[in-house]
Amino acid sequence: MKAKNILSTFIISAVLAGCASIARELVMPNQCQKCQVTDPNGNVVWEDDGCGGEVSGMEDQCKITAYDYGCGYICSCITYKQDPEEEE
């Protein structure tokens, strides 16, 4: 019974995460985010940049990546709005 509840929770969370990405793409397609992981010397070791649905989970991925690199690595993210004329 407990395994069934865990599986149900996992499926529901996966569906909601997908819905969040779709909703962000429809409602805020010009909302963008850029995340970087820097080493203790300030050098960028990881970077991701995206807009709309692409930003779902980006900050979490940045934090995970910084943690994986180890002590002294810092995750920083900025949010910006893309000019609609710049879109391809």
PDB file of N, CA and C in Angstrom:
ATOM      1  N   MET A   1       0.822  -1.194   0.000  1.00  0.00           N
ATOM      2  CA  MET A   1       0.000   0.000   0.000  1.00  0.00           C
ATOM      3  C   MET A   1       0.867   1.259   0.000  1.00  0.00           C
ATOM      4  N   LYS A   2       1.954   1.240   0.769  1.00  0.00           N
ATOM      5  CA  LYS A   2       2.821   2.410   0.862  1.00  0.00           C
ATOM      6  C   LYS A   2       3.507   2.688  -0.479  1.00  0.00           C
ATOM      7  N   ALA A   3       3.926   1.634  -1.179  1.00  0.00           N
ATOM      8  CA  ALA A   3       4.566   1.796  -2.490  1.00  0.00           C
ATOM      9  C   ALA A   3       3.597   2.416  -3.491  1.00  0.00           C
ATOM     10  N   LYS A   4       2.332   2.048  -3.399  1.00  0.00           N
ATOM     11  CA  LYS A   4       1.318   2.598  -4.294  1.00  0.00           C
ATOM     12  C   LYS A   4       1.157   4.100  -4.056  1.00  0.00           C
ATOM     13  N   ASN A   5       1.174   4.529  -2.798  1.00  0.00           N
ATOM     14  CA  ASN A   5       1.062   5.953  -2.469  1.00  0.00           C
ATOM     15  C   ASN A   5       2.279   6.728  -2.963  1.00  0.00           C
ATOM     16  N   ILE A   6       3.458   6.156  -2.823  1.00  0.00           N
ATOM     17  CA  ILE A   6       4.679   6.817  -3.291  1.00  0.00           C
ATOM     18  C   ILE A   6       4.653   6.965  -4.805  1.00  0.00           C
ATOM     19  N   LEU A   7       4.241   5.906  -5.503  1.00  0.00           N
ATOM     20  CA  LEU A   7       4.148   5.955  -6.961  1.00  0.00           C
ATOM     21  C   LEU A   7       3.127   6.992  -7.410  1.00  0.00           C
ATOM     22  N   SER A   8       1.989   7.039  -6.746  1.00  0.00           N
ATOM     23  CA  SER A   8       0.959   8.028  -7.087  1.00  0.00           C
ATOM     24  C   SER A   8       1.471   9.447  -6.882  1.00  0.00           C
ATOM     25  N   THR A   9       2.182   9.670  -5.779  1.00  0.00           N
ATOM     26  CA  THR A   9       2.747  10.994  -5.504  1.00  0.00           C
ATOM     27  C   THR A   9       3.760  11.377  -6.559  1.00  0.00           C
ATOM     28  N   PHE A  10       4.601  10.442  -6.967  1.00  0.00           N
ATOM     29  CA  PHE A  10       5.602  10.698  -8.005  1.00  0.00           C
ATOM     30  C   PHE A  10       4.936  11.065  -9.331  1.00  0.00           C
ATOM     31  N   ILE A  11       3.931  10.339  -9.715  1.00  0.00           N
ATOM     32  CA  ILE A  11       3.240  10.591 -10.984  1.00  0.00           C
ATOM     33  C   ILE A  11       2.559  11.967 -10.960  1.00  0.00           C
ATOM     34  N   ILE A  12       1.908  12.279  -9.853  1.00  0.00           N
ATOM     35  CA  ILE A  12       1.229  13.577  -9.742  1.00  0.00           C
ATOM     36  C   ILE A  12       2.233  14.718  -9.803  1.00  0.00           C
ATOM     37  N   SER A  13       3.375  14.574  -9.111  1.00  0.00           N
ATOM     38  CA  SER A  13       4.377  15.645  -9.134  1.00  0.00           C
ATOM     39  C   SER A  13       4.983  15.799 -10.516  1.00  0.00           C
ATOM     40  N   ALA A  14       5.178  14.699 -11.239  1.00  0.00           N
ATOM     41  CA  ALA A  14       5.717  14.773 -12.602  1.00  0.00           C
ATOM     42  C   ALA A  14       4.735  15.486 -13.534  1.00  0.00           C
ATOM     43  N   VAL A  15       3.461  15.198 -13.400  1.00  0.00           N
ATOM     44  CA  VAL A  15       2.436  15.847 -14.226  1.00  0.00           C
ATOM     45  C   VAL A  15       2.377  17.342 -13.915  1.00  0.00           C
ATOM     46  N   LEU A  16       2.426  17.695 -12.634  1.00  0.00           N
ATOM     47  CA  LEU A  16       2.371  19.107 -12.250  1.00  0.00           C
ATOM     48  C   LEU A  16       3.603  19.864 -12.740  1.00  0.00           C
ATOM     49  N   ALA A  17       4.765  19.236 -12.712  1.00  0.00           N
ATOM     50  CA  ALA A  17       5.978  19.889 -13.215  1.00  0.00           C
ATOM     51  C   ALA A  17       5.857  20.143 -14.713  1.00  0.00           C
ATOM     52  N   GLY A  18       5.302  19.199 -15.444  1.00  0.00           N
ATOM     53  CA  GLY A  18       5.080  19.386 -16.876  1.00  0.00           C
ATOM     54  C   GLY A  18       4.077  20.486 -17.151  1.00  0.00           C
ATOM     55  N   CYS A  19       3.036  20.539 -16.347  1.00  0.00           N
ATOM     56  CA  CYS A  19       2.023  21.584 -16.503  1.00  0.00           C
ATOM     57  C   CYS A  19       2.616  22.961 -16.200  1.00  0.00           C
ATOM     58  N   ALA A  20       3.500  23.038 -15.215  1.00  0.00           N
ATOM     59  CA  ALA A  20       4.131  24.317 -14.872  1.00  0.00           C
ATOM     60  C   ALA A  20       4.965  24.829 -16.033  1.00  0.00           C
ATOM     61  N   SER A  21       5.663  23.930 -16.687  1.00  0.00           N
ATOM     62  CA  SER A  21       6.489  24.320 -17.831  1.00  0.00           C
ATOM     63  C   SER A  21       5.618  24.827 -18.980  1.00  0.00           C
ATOM     64  N   ILE A  22       4.534  24.139 -19.252  1.00  0.00           N
ATOM     65  CA  ILE A  22       3.624  24.543 -20.326  1.00  0.00           C
ATOM     66  C   ILE A  22       2.960  25.884 -19.983  1.00  0.00           C
ATOM     67  N   ALA A  23       2.524  26.030 -18.744  1.00  0.00           N
ATOM     68  CA  ALA A  23       1.880  27.282 -18.325  1.00  0.00           C
ATOM     69  C   ALA A  23       2.846  28.448 -18.436  1.00  0.00           C
ATOM     70  N   ARG A  24       4.093  28.248 -18.026  1.00  0.00           N
ATOM     71  CA  ARG A  24       5.082  29.323 -18.109  1.00  0.00           C
ATOM     72  C   ARG A  24       5.320  29.703 -19.565  1.00  0.00           C
ATOM     73  N   GLU A  25       5.341  28.723 -20.457  1.00  0.00           N
ATOM     74  CA  GLU A  25       5.566  28.993 -21.880  1.00  0.00           C
ATOM     75  C   GLU A  25       4.413  29.804 -22.463  1.00  0.00           C
ATOM     76  N   LEU A  26       3.188  29.514 -22.035  1.00  0.00           N
ATOM     77  CA  LEU A  26       2.020  30.218 -22.570  1.00  0.00           C
ATOM     78  C   LEU A  26       1.841  31.600 -21.965  1.00  0.00           C
ATOM     79  N   VAL A  27       2.042  31.712 -20.650  1.00  0.00           N
ATOM     80  CA  VAL A  27       1.758  32.957 -19.943  1.00  0.00           C
ATOM     81  C   VAL A  27       2.930  33.937 -20.011  1.00  0.00           C
ATOM     82  N   MET A  28       4.147  33.439 -19.877  1.00  0.00           N
ATOM     83  CA  MET A  28       5.314  34.326 -19.809  1.00  0.00           C
ATOM     84  C   MET A  28       6.422  33.871 -20.763  1.00  0.00           C
ATOM     85  N   PRO A  29       6.183  33.870 -22.061  1.00  0.00           N
ATOM     86  CA  PRO A  29       7.214  33.381 -22.988  1.00  0.00           C
ATOM     87  C   PRO A  29       8.446  34.279 -23.049  1.00  0.00           C
ATOM     88  N   ASN A  30       8.319  35.539 -22.656  1.00  0.00           N
ATOM     89  CA  ASN A  30       9.457  36.471 -22.717  1.00  0.00           C
ATOM     90  C   ASN A  30      10.206  36.566 -21.389  1.00  0.00           C
ATOM     91  N   GLN A  31       9.736  35.850 -20.370  1.00  0.00           N
ATOM     92  CA  GLN A  31      10.412  35.837 -19.080  1.00  0.00           C
ATOM     93  C   GLN A  31      11.592  34.884 -19.173  1.00  0.00           C
ATOM     94  N   CYS A  32      12.798  35.395 -18.988  1.00  0.00           N
ATOM     95  CA  CYS A  32      14.014  34.606 -19.179  1.00  0.00           C
ATOM     96  C   CYS A  32      14.818  34.534 -17.886  1.00  0.00           C
ATOM     97  N   GLN A  33      15.726  33.569 -17.853  1.00  0.00           N
ATOM     98  CA  GLN A  33      16.581  33.394 -16.692  1.00  0.00           C
ATOM     99  C   GLN A  33      17.941  32.877 -17.146  1.00  0.00           C
ATOM    100  N   LYS A  34      18.983  33.394 -16.506  1.00  0.00           N
ATOM    101  CA  LYS A  34      20.341  32.944 -16.773  1.00  0.00           C
ATOM    102  C   LYS A  34      20.961  32.540 -15.448  1.00  0.00           C
ATOM    103  N   CYS A  35      21.453  31.310 -15.367  1.00  0.00           N
ATOM    104  CA  CYS A  35      22.074  30.800 -14.151  1.00  0.00           C
ATOM    105  C   CYS A  35      23.512  30.407 -14.441  1.00  0.00           C
ATOM    106  N   GLN A  36      24.379  30.652 -13.459  1.00  0.00           N
ATOM    107  CA  GLN A  36      25.790  30.306 -13.577  1.00  0.00           C
ATOM    108  C   GLN A  36      26.279  29.699 -12.272  1.00  0.00           C
ATOM    109  N   VAL A  37      27.224  28.767 -12.401  1.00  0.00           N
ATOM    110  CA  VAL A  37      27.956  28.255 -11.251  1.00  0.00           C
ATOM    111  C   VAL A  37      29.382  28.750 -11.413  1.00  0.00           C
ATOM    112  N   THR A  38      29.890  29.396 -10.371  1.00  0.00           N
ATOM    113  CA  THR A  38      31.252  29.913 -10.409  1.00  0.00           C
ATOM    114  C   THR A  38      32.105  29.208  -9.364  1.00  0.00           C
ATOM    115  N   ASP A  39      33.392  29.063  -9.694  1.00  0.00           N
ATOM    116  CA  ASP A  39      34.327  28.448  -8.757  1.00  0.00           C
ATOM    117  C   ASP A  39      34.797  29.498  -7.747  1.00  0.00           C
ATOM    118  N   PRO A  40      35.590  29.100  -6.751  1.00  0.00           N
ATOM    119  CA  PRO A  40      36.034  30.064  -5.743  1.00  0.00           C
ATOM    120  C   PRO A  40      36.826  31.255  -6.311  1.00  0.00           C
ATOM    121  N   ASN A  41      37.394  31.110  -7.516  1.00  0.00           N
ATOM    122  CA  ASN A  41      38.141  32.203  -8.145  1.00  0.00           C
ATOM    123  C   ASN A  41      37.261  33.101  -9.011  1.00  0.00           C
ATOM    124  N   GLY A  42      35.977  32.767  -9.119  1.00  0.00           N
ATOM    125  CA  GLY A  42      35.052  33.573  -9.911  1.00  0.00           C
ATOM    126  C   GLY A  42      34.919  33.140 -11.362  1.00  0.00           C
ATOM    127  N   ASN A  43      35.549  32.031 -11.741  1.00  0.00           N
ATOM    128  CA  ASN A  43      35.436  31.519 -13.109  1.00  0.00           C
ATOM    129  C   ASN A  43      34.131  30.753 -13.287  1.00  0.00           C
ATOM    130  N   VAL A  44      33.448  30.966 -14.402  1.00  0.00           N
ATOM    131  CA  VAL A  44      32.195  30.269 -14.686  1.00  0.00           C
ATOM    132  C   VAL A  44      32.519  28.846 -15.132  1.00  0.00           C
ATOM    133  N   VAL A  45      31.953  27.862 -14.415  1.00  0.00           N
ATOM    134  CA  VAL A  45      32.181  26.455 -14.754  1.00  0.00           C
ATOM    135  C   VAL A  45      30.931  25.803 -15.350  1.00  0.00           C
ATOM    136  N   TRP A  46      29.776  26.443 -15.180  1.00  0.00           N
ATOM    137  CA  TRP A  46      28.517  25.933 -15.731  1.00  0.00           C
ATOM    138  C   TRP A  46      27.598  27.113 -15.959  1.00  0.00           C
ATOM    139  N   GLU A  47      26.830  27.052 -17.061  1.00  0.00           N
ATOM    140  CA  GLU A  47      25.927  28.157 -17.387  1.00  0.00           C
ATOM    141  C   GLU A  47      24.732  27.624 -18.158  1.00  0.00           C
ATOM    142  N   ASP A  48      23.577  28.198 -17.894  1.00  0.00           N
ATOM    143  CA  ASP A  48      22.370  27.858 -18.643  1.00  0.00           C
ATOM    144  C   ASP A  48      21.556  29.132 -18.800  1.00  0.00           C
ATOM    145  N   ASP A  49      20.924  29.284 -19.938  1.00  0.00           N
ATOM    146  CA  ASP A  49      20.155  30.473 -20.255  1.00  0.00           C
ATOM    147  C   ASP A  49      18.926  30.026 -21.033  1.00  0.00           C
ATOM    148  N   GLY A  50      17.748  30.506 -20.644  1.00  0.00           N
ATOM    149  CA  GLY A  50      16.554  30.112 -21.361  1.00  0.00           C
ATOM    150  C   GLY A  50      15.398  31.043 -21.081  1.00  0.00           C
ATOM    151  N   CYS A  51      14.331  30.877 -21.859  1.00  0.00           N
ATOM    152  CA  CYS A  51      13.140  31.710 -21.727  1.00  0.00           C
ATOM    153  C   CYS A  51      11.896  30.821 -21.714  1.00  0.00           C
ATOM    154  N   GLY A  52      10.824  31.358 -21.139  1.00  0.00           N
ATOM    155  CA  GLY A  52       9.549  30.652 -21.120  1.00  0.00           C
ATOM    156  C   GLY A  52       9.622  29.359 -20.331  1.00  0.00           C
ATOM    157  N   GLY A  53       9.183  28.275 -20.932  1.00  0.00           N
ATOM    158  CA  GLY A  53       9.167  26.973 -20.277  1.00  0.00           C
ATOM    159  C   GLY A  53      10.541  26.411 -19.996  1.00  0.00           C
ATOM    160  N   GLU A  54      11.560  26.924 -20.672  1.00  0.00           N
ATOM    161  CA  GLU A  54      12.922  26.428 -20.473  1.00  0.00           C
ATOM    162  C   GLU A  54      13.461  26.743 -19.081  1.00  0.00           C
ATOM    163  N   VAL A  55      12.911  27.740 -18.403  1.00  0.00           N
ATOM    164  CA  VAL A  55      13.445  28.135 -17.103  1.00  0.00           C
ATOM    165  C   VAL A  55      12.910  27.287 -15.950  1.00  0.00           C
ATOM    166  N   SER A  56      11.928  26.438 -16.215  1.00  0.00           N
ATOM    167  CA  SER A  56      11.382  25.585 -15.161  1.00  0.00           C
ATOM    168  C   SER A  56      12.467  24.651 -14.640  1.00  0.00           C
ATOM    169  N   GLY A  57      12.769  24.771 -13.389  1.00  0.00           N
ATOM    170  CA  GLY A  57      13.762  23.910 -12.761  1.00  0.00           C
ATOM    171  C   GLY A  57      15.205  24.335 -12.975  1.00  0.00           C
ATOM    172  N   MET A  58      15.425  25.438 -13.687  1.00  0.00           N
ATOM    173  CA  MET A  58      16.795  25.861 -13.985  1.00  0.00           C
ATOM    174  C   MET A  58      17.559  26.230 -12.719  1.00  0.00           C
ATOM    175  N   GLU A  59      16.924  26.966 -11.813  1.00  0.00           N
ATOM    176  CA  GLU A  59      17.603  27.374 -10.590  1.00  0.00           C
ATOM    177  C   GLU A  59      17.929  26.167  -9.715  1.00  0.00           C
ATOM    178  N   ASP A  60      17.004  25.216  -9.654  1.00  0.00           N
ATOM    179  CA  ASP A  60      17.271  23.993  -8.897  1.00  0.00           C
ATOM    180  C   ASP A  60      18.457  23.233  -9.495  1.00  0.00           C
ATOM    181  N   GLN A  61      18.506  23.148 -10.826  1.00  0.00           N
ATOM    182  CA  GLN A  61      19.614  22.469 -11.488  1.00  0.00           C
ATOM    183  C   GLN A  61      20.932  23.189 -11.203  1.00  0.00           C
ATOM    184  N   CYS A  62      20.904  24.496 -11.163  1.00  0.00           N
ATOM    185  CA  CYS A  62      22.097  25.280 -10.847  1.00  0.00           C
ATOM    186  C   CYS A  62      22.593  24.960  -9.439  1.00  0.00           C
ATOM    187  N   LYS A  63      21.676  24.926  -8.484  1.00  0.00           N
ATOM    188  CA  LYS A  63      22.047  24.625  -7.103  1.00  0.00           C
ATOM    189  C   LYS A  63      22.613  23.213  -6.972  1.00  0.00           C
ATOM    190  N   ILE A  64      22.007  22.261  -7.661  1.00  0.00           N
ATOM    191  CA  ILE A  64      22.487  20.877  -7.639  1.00  0.00           C
ATOM    192  C   ILE A  64      23.889  20.797  -8.234  1.00  0.00           C
ATOM    193  N   THR A  65      24.099  21.492  -9.346  1.00  0.00           N
ATOM    194  CA  THR A  65      25.401  21.484 -10.000  1.00  0.00           C
ATOM    195  C   THR A  65      26.466  22.094  -9.104  1.00  0.00           C
ATOM    196  N   ALA A  66      26.154  23.216  -8.455  1.00  0.00           N
ATOM    197  CA  ALA A  66      27.104  23.849  -7.539  1.00  0.00           C
ATOM    198  C   ALA A  66      27.443  22.906  -6.389  1.00  0.00           C
ATOM    199  N   TYR A  67      26.455  22.229  -5.867  1.00  0.00           N
ATOM    200  CA  TYR A  67      26.678  21.271  -4.781  1.00  0.00           C
ATOM    201  C   TYR A  67      27.573  20.125  -5.250  1.00  0.00           C
ATOM    202  N   ASP A  68      27.320  19.636  -6.472  1.00  0.00           N
ATOM    203  CA  ASP A  68      28.126  18.539  -7.022  1.00  0.00           C
ATOM    204  C   ASP A  68      29.581  18.937  -7.202  1.00  0.00           C
ATOM    205  N   TYR A  69      29.834  20.183  -7.586  1.00  0.00           N
ATOM    206  CA  TYR A  69      31.217  20.648  -7.751  1.00  0.00           C
ATOM    207  C   TYR A  69      31.935  20.705  -6.406  1.00  0.00           C
ATOM    208  N   GLY A  70      31.246  21.074  -5.353  1.00  0.00           N
ATOM    209  CA  GLY A  70      31.847  21.068  -4.021  1.00  0.00           C
ATOM    210  C   GLY A  70      31.830  22.417  -3.338  1.00  0.00           C
ATOM    211  N   CYS A  71      32.570  22.467  -2.242  1.00  0.00           N
ATOM    212  CA  CYS A  71      32.626  23.652  -1.390  1.00  0.00           C
ATOM    213  C   CYS A  71      33.208  24.850  -2.147  1.00  0.00           C
ATOM    214  N   GLY A  72      32.611  26.005  -1.956  1.00  0.00           N
ATOM    215  CA  GLY A  72      33.133  27.216  -2.565  1.00  0.00           C
ATOM    216  C   GLY A  72      32.528  27.547  -3.919  1.00  0.00           C
ATOM    217  N   TYR A  73      31.784  26.626  -4.513  1.00  0.00           N
ATOM    218  CA  TYR A  73      31.134  26.889  -5.802  1.00  0.00           C
ATOM    219  C   TYR A  73      29.780  27.540  -5.535  1.00  0.00           C
ATOM    220  N   ILE A  74      29.480  28.582  -6.286  1.00  0.00           N
ATOM    221  CA  ILE A  74      28.302  29.403  -6.020  1.00  0.00           C
ATOM    222  C   ILE A  74      27.363  29.400  -7.227  1.00  0.00           C
ATOM    223  N   CYS A  75      26.084  29.240  -6.947  1.00  0.00           N
ATOM    224  CA  CYS A  75      25.039  29.333  -7.966  1.00  0.00           C
ATOM    225  C   CYS A  75      24.451  30.736  -7.907  1.00  0.00           C
ATOM    226  N   SER A  76      24.347  31.380  -9.068  1.00  0.00           N
ATOM    227  CA  SER A  76      23.680  32.677  -9.129  1.00  0.00           C
ATOM    228  C   SER A  76      22.797  32.727 -10.371  1.00  0.00           C
ATOM    229  N   CYS A  77      21.605  33.251 -10.187  1.00  0.00           N
ATOM    230  CA  CYS A  77      20.643  33.336 -11.292  1.00  0.00           C
ATOM    231  C   CYS A  77      20.103  34.763 -11.376  1.00  0.00           C
ATOM    232  N   ILE A  78      19.905  35.214 -12.611  1.00  0.00           N
ATOM    233  CA  ILE A  78      19.252  36.499 -12.838  1.00  0.00           C
ATOM    234  C   ILE A  78      18.052  36.270 -13.744  1.00  0.00           C
ATOM    235  N   THR A  79      17.031  37.051 -13.535  1.00  0.00           N
ATOM    236  CA  THR A  79      15.823  36.980 -14.352  1.00  0.00           C
ATOM    237  C   THR A  79      15.745  38.259 -15.172  1.00  0.00           C
ATOM    238  N   TYR A  80      15.398  38.108 -16.435  1.00  0.00           N
ATOM    239  CA  TYR A  80      15.269  39.272 -17.303  1.00  0.00           C
ATOM    240  C   TYR A  80      14.146  39.026 -18.297  1.00  0.00           C
ATOM    241  N   LYS A  81      13.722  40.082 -18.935  1.00  0.00           N
ATOM    242  CA  LYS A  81      12.647  39.994 -19.927  1.00  0.00           C
ATOM    243  C   LYS A  81      13.251  40.178 -21.316  1.00  0.00           C
ATOM    244  N   GLN A  82      12.937  39.258 -22.210  1.00  0.00           N
ATOM    245  CA  GLN A  82      13.442  39.320 -23.576  1.00  0.00           C
ATOM    246  C   GLN A  82      12.543  40.217 -24.417  1.00  0.00           C
ATOM    247  N   ASP A  83      13.160  41.053 -25.234  1.00  0.00           N
ATOM    248  CA  ASP A  83      12.425  41.900 -26.151  1.00  0.00           C
ATOM    249  C   ASP A  83      11.759  41.018 -27.204  1.00  0.00           C
ATOM    250  N   PRO A  84      10.436  41.118 -27.416  1.00  0.00           N
ATOM    251  CA  PRO A  84       9.754  40.262 -28.392  1.00  0.00           C
ATOM    252  C   PRO A  84      10.344  40.374 -29.810  1.00  0.00           C
ATOM    253  N   GLU A  85      10.961  41.503 -30.144  1.00  0.00           N
ATOM    254  CA  GLU A  85      11.551  41.661 -31.474  1.00  0.00           C
ATOM    255  C   GLU A  85      12.814  40.822 -31.645  1.00  0.00           C
ATOM    256  N   GLU A  86      13.458  40.399 -30.533  1.00  0.00           N
ATOM    257  CA  GLU A  86      14.678  39.601 -30.599  1.00  0.00           C
ATOM    258  C   GLU A  86      14.380  38.131 -30.810  1.00  0.00           C
ATOM    259  N   GLU A  87      13.136  37.696 -30.614  1.00  0.00           N
ATOM    260  CA  GLU A  87      12.778  36.287 -30.771  1.00  0.00           C
ATOM    261  C   GLU A  87      12.941  35.858 -32.210  1.00  0.00           C
ATOM    262  N   GLU A  88      13.279  34.578 -32.356  1.00  0.00           N
ATOM    263  CA  GLU A  88      13.462  34.042 -33.715  1.00  0.00           C
ATOM    264  C   GLU A  88      12.175  33.455 -34.236  1.00  0.00           C
TER     265      GLU A  88
END
